[in-house]
Amino acid sequence: MSLDGKVDSTKDKISGKAKEVEGKVTGDKARETQGKAEGILGKAKEKLDDAKDAVKDTVDDVKSKLSTDKKTN
């Protein structure tokens, strides 16, 4: 995961948790729901970045194997 992606997803998760707690403390269900949604967004961004990294690693592995195969032929 890139540093920017990690910072962005962490920011969303922390901000979301703060809004969720604020909503619970004040009894504001809309704010609590907004916080939960923002937290979920942060988790989704993190999972998306992880998936991007996995795909990139797989592509790099395939390229490496193809390059090795060309050299042996």
N, C-alpha and C. Protein backbone atom coordinates (compact mmCIF):
# COMPACT_ATOMS: atom_id res chain seq x y z
N MET A 1 0.85 -1.16 0.00
CA MET A 1 0.00 0.00 0.00
C MET A 1 0.89 1.23 0.00
N SER A 2 0.54 2.17 -0.83
CA SER A 2 1.33 3.40 -0.89
C SER A 2 1.12 4.21 0.39
N LEU A 3 2.09 5.03 0.69
CA LEU A 3 2.00 5.85 1.90
C LEU A 3 0.80 6.80 1.81
N ASP A 4 0.58 7.40 0.64
CA ASP A 4 -0.56 8.31 0.48
C ASP A 4 -1.88 7.57 0.70
N GLY A 5 -1.96 6.36 0.14
CA GLY A 5 -3.17 5.57 0.30
C GLY A 5 -3.41 5.18 1.75
N LYS A 6 -2.34 4.83 2.44
CA LYS A 6 -2.45 4.45 3.85
C LYS A 6 -2.89 5.65 4.69
N VAL A 7 -2.30 6.81 4.43
CA VAL A 7 -2.67 8.03 5.16
C VAL A 7 -4.13 8.38 4.90
N ASP A 8 -4.55 8.29 3.65
CA ASP A 8 -5.91 8.65 3.28
C ASP A 8 -6.93 7.72 3.94
N SER A 9 -6.68 6.42 3.89
CA SER A 9 -7.63 5.48 4.48
C SER A 9 -7.64 5.60 6.00
N THR A 10 -6.49 5.82 6.60
CA THR A 10 -6.42 5.99 8.06
C THR A 10 -7.14 7.26 8.49
N LYS A 11 -6.97 8.32 7.72
CA LYS A 11 -7.66 9.58 8.02
C LYS A 11 -9.17 9.37 8.01
N ASP A 12 -9.67 8.66 7.01
CA ASP A 12 -11.11 8.41 6.93
C ASP A 12 -11.59 7.55 8.09
N LYS A 13 -10.82 6.54 8.46
CA LYS A 13 -11.23 5.68 9.56
C LYS A 13 -11.25 6.45 10.89
N ILE A 14 -10.23 7.27 11.14
CA ILE A 14 -10.17 8.04 12.39
C ILE A 14 -11.26 9.10 12.43
N SER A 15 -11.40 9.82 11.34
CA SER A 15 -12.43 10.86 11.27
C SER A 15 -13.82 10.24 11.43
N GLY A 16 -14.02 9.11 10.79
CA GLY A 16 -15.30 8.43 10.90
C GLY A 16 -15.60 7.99 12.32
N LYS A 17 -14.59 7.45 12.99
CA LYS A 17 -14.78 7.01 14.37
C LYS A 17 -15.11 8.20 15.27
N ALA A 18 -14.43 9.32 15.05
CA ALA A 18 -14.69 10.52 15.85
C ALA A 18 -16.13 10.99 15.65
N LYS A 19 -16.59 11.01 14.41
CA LYS A 19 -17.96 11.45 14.14
C LYS A 19 -18.97 10.46 14.73
N GLU A 20 -18.65 9.18 14.64
CA GLU A 20 -19.54 8.16 15.21
C GLU A 20 -19.69 8.35 16.72
N VAL A 21 -18.56 8.55 17.40
CA VAL A 21 -18.59 8.75 18.85
C VAL A 21 -19.33 10.04 19.19
N GLU A 22 -19.05 11.10 18.42
CA GLU A 22 -19.74 12.37 18.65
C GLU A 22 -21.25 12.18 18.53
N GLY A 23 -21.66 11.44 17.50
CA GLY A 23 -23.09 11.19 17.31
C GLY A 23 -23.69 10.40 18.45
N LYS A 24 -22.97 9.41 18.96
CA LYS A 24 -23.47 8.62 20.09
C LYS A 24 -23.60 9.48 21.34
N VAL A 25 -22.59 10.31 21.60
CA VAL A 25 -22.57 11.14 22.81
C VAL A 25 -23.69 12.18 22.77
N THR A 26 -23.90 12.77 21.60
CA THR A 26 -24.91 13.84 21.49
C THR A 26 -26.30 13.31 21.14
N GLY A 27 -26.40 12.02 20.84
CA GLY A 27 -27.69 11.46 20.46
C GLY A 27 -28.08 11.79 19.03
N ASP A 28 -27.12 12.23 18.23
CA ASP A 28 -27.36 12.60 16.83
C ASP A 28 -27.14 11.37 15.94
N LYS A 29 -28.23 10.70 15.61
CA LYS A 29 -28.14 9.46 14.82
C LYS A 29 -27.58 9.71 13.43
N ALA A 30 -27.89 10.86 12.84
CA ALA A 30 -27.38 11.17 11.50
C ALA A 30 -25.86 11.30 11.52
N ARG A 31 -25.34 11.97 12.56
CA ARG A 31 -23.89 12.14 12.68
C ARG A 31 -23.22 10.80 12.95
N GLU A 32 -23.85 9.98 13.77
CA GLU A 32 -23.33 8.65 14.07
C GLU A 32 -23.27 7.80 12.79
N THR A 33 -24.33 7.86 12.00
CA THR A 33 -24.38 7.12 10.74
C THR A 33 -23.34 7.64 9.76
N GLN A 34 -23.18 8.96 9.71
CA GLN A 34 -22.17 9.56 8.84
C GLN A 34 -20.78 9.05 9.24
N GLY A 35 -20.53 8.98 10.51
CA GLY A 35 -19.24 8.49 11.00
C GLY A 35 -19.01 7.03 10.64
N LYS A 36 -20.04 6.22 10.80
CA LYS A 36 -19.91 4.80 10.43
C LYS A 36 -19.62 4.66 8.94
N ALA A 37 -20.33 5.45 8.13
CA ALA A 37 -20.12 5.38 6.68
C ALA A 37 -18.70 5.81 6.31
N GLU A 38 -18.20 6.85 6.96
CA GLU A 38 -16.84 7.32 6.67
C GLU A 38 -15.81 6.28 7.10
N GLY A 39 -16.05 5.61 8.20
CA GLY A 39 -15.16 4.55 8.65
C GLY A 39 -15.14 3.39 7.67
N ILE A 40 -16.31 3.04 7.16
CA ILE A 40 -16.40 1.97 6.15
C ILE A 40 -15.67 2.37 4.88
N LEU A 41 -15.80 3.63 4.50
CA LEU A 41 -15.08 4.14 3.32
C LEU A 41 -13.57 3.98 3.51
N GLY A 42 -13.08 4.32 4.68
CA GLY A 42 -11.65 4.17 4.96
C GLY A 42 -11.20 2.73 4.86
N LYS A 43 -12.00 1.81 5.38
CA LYS A 43 -11.67 0.38 5.30
C LYS A 43 -11.71 -0.09 3.85
N ALA A 44 -12.69 0.40 3.08
CA ALA A 44 -12.79 0.01 1.68
C ALA A 44 -11.58 0.51 0.88
N LYS A 45 -11.15 1.73 1.16
CA LYS A 45 -9.96 2.27 0.48
C LYS A 45 -8.74 1.42 0.79
N GLU A 46 -8.62 0.99 2.04
CA GLU A 46 -7.50 0.16 2.45
C GLU A 46 -7.52 -1.18 1.70
N LYS A 47 -8.69 -1.79 1.61
CA LYS A 47 -8.82 -3.08 0.90
C LYS A 47 -8.52 -2.91 -0.58
N LEU A 48 -8.97 -1.80 -1.17
CA LEU A 48 -8.72 -1.54 -2.58
C LEU A 48 -7.22 -1.37 -2.84
N ASP A 49 -6.54 -0.64 -1.98
CA ASP A 49 -5.09 -0.48 -2.12
C ASP A 49 -4.37 -1.82 -1.97
N ASP A 50 -4.84 -2.66 -1.03
CA ASP A 50 -4.24 -3.98 -0.86
C ASP A 50 -4.43 -4.82 -2.13
N ALA A 51 -5.63 -4.74 -2.72
CA ALA A 51 -5.90 -5.49 -3.95
C ALA A 51 -5.03 -4.99 -5.10
N LYS A 52 -4.86 -3.68 -5.20
CA LYS A 52 -3.99 -3.10 -6.24
C LYS A 52 -2.57 -3.63 -6.09
N ASP A 53 -2.09 -3.66 -4.85
CA ASP A 53 -0.74 -4.16 -4.59
C ASP A 53 -0.61 -5.63 -4.98
N ALA A 54 -1.63 -6.42 -4.66
CA ALA A 54 -1.60 -7.84 -5.00
C ALA A 54 -1.57 -8.05 -6.51
N VAL A 55 -2.37 -7.28 -7.23
CA VAL A 55 -2.40 -7.39 -8.69
C VAL A 55 -1.05 -6.97 -9.27
N LYS A 56 -0.50 -5.88 -8.76
CA LYS A 56 0.80 -5.41 -9.24
C LYS A 56 1.88 -6.47 -9.00
N ASP A 57 1.87 -7.08 -7.83
CA ASP A 57 2.85 -8.12 -7.53
C ASP A 57 2.70 -9.31 -8.47
N THR A 58 1.46 -9.69 -8.76
CA THR A 58 1.21 -10.81 -9.67
C THR A 58 1.69 -10.48 -11.07
N VAL A 59 1.40 -9.28 -11.53
CA VAL A 59 1.85 -8.86 -12.87
C VAL A 59 3.37 -8.85 -12.94
N ASP A 60 4.00 -8.35 -11.90
CA ASP A 60 5.47 -8.32 -11.87
C ASP A 60 6.04 -9.74 -11.90
N ASP A 61 5.41 -10.67 -11.17
CA ASP A 61 5.86 -12.06 -11.17
C ASP A 61 5.74 -12.69 -12.56
N VAL A 62 4.62 -12.43 -13.22
CA VAL A 62 4.40 -12.98 -14.56
C VAL A 62 5.42 -12.39 -15.53
N LYS A 63 5.66 -11.10 -15.45
CA LYS A 63 6.65 -10.47 -16.32
C LYS A 63 8.03 -11.07 -16.09
N SER A 64 8.37 -11.29 -14.85
CA SER A 64 9.66 -11.87 -14.51
C SER A 64 9.79 -13.29 -15.08
N LYS A 65 8.74 -14.08 -14.95
CA LYS A 65 8.76 -15.45 -15.48
C LYS A 65 8.85 -15.46 -17.00
N LEU A 66 8.12 -14.55 -17.64
CA LEU A 66 8.17 -14.48 -19.09
C LEU A 66 9.56 -14.05 -19.56
N SER A 67 10.14 -13.12 -18.84
CA SER A 67 11.49 -12.67 -19.18
C SER A 67 12.49 -13.81 -19.01
N THR A 68 12.36 -14.59 -17.97
CA THR A 68 13.25 -15.73 -17.72
C THR A 68 13.06 -16.78 -18.81
N ASP A 69 11.80 -17.03 -19.19
CA ASP A 69 11.51 -18.02 -20.22
C ASP A 69 12.13 -17.61 -21.58
N LYS A 70 12.09 -16.34 -21.91
CA LYS A 70 12.66 -15.86 -23.18
C LYS A 70 14.17 -16.04 -23.18
N LYS A 71 14.80 -15.85 -22.04
CA LYS A 71 16.25 -15.96 -21.96
C LYS A 71 16.70 -17.41 -22.10
N THR A 72 15.89 -18.35 -21.64
CA THR A 72 16.28 -19.77 -21.71
C THR A 72 15.97 -20.36 -23.08
N ASN A 73 15.14 -19.71 -23.86
CA ASN A 73 14.79 -20.24 -25.20
C ASN A 73 15.69 -19.73 -26.23
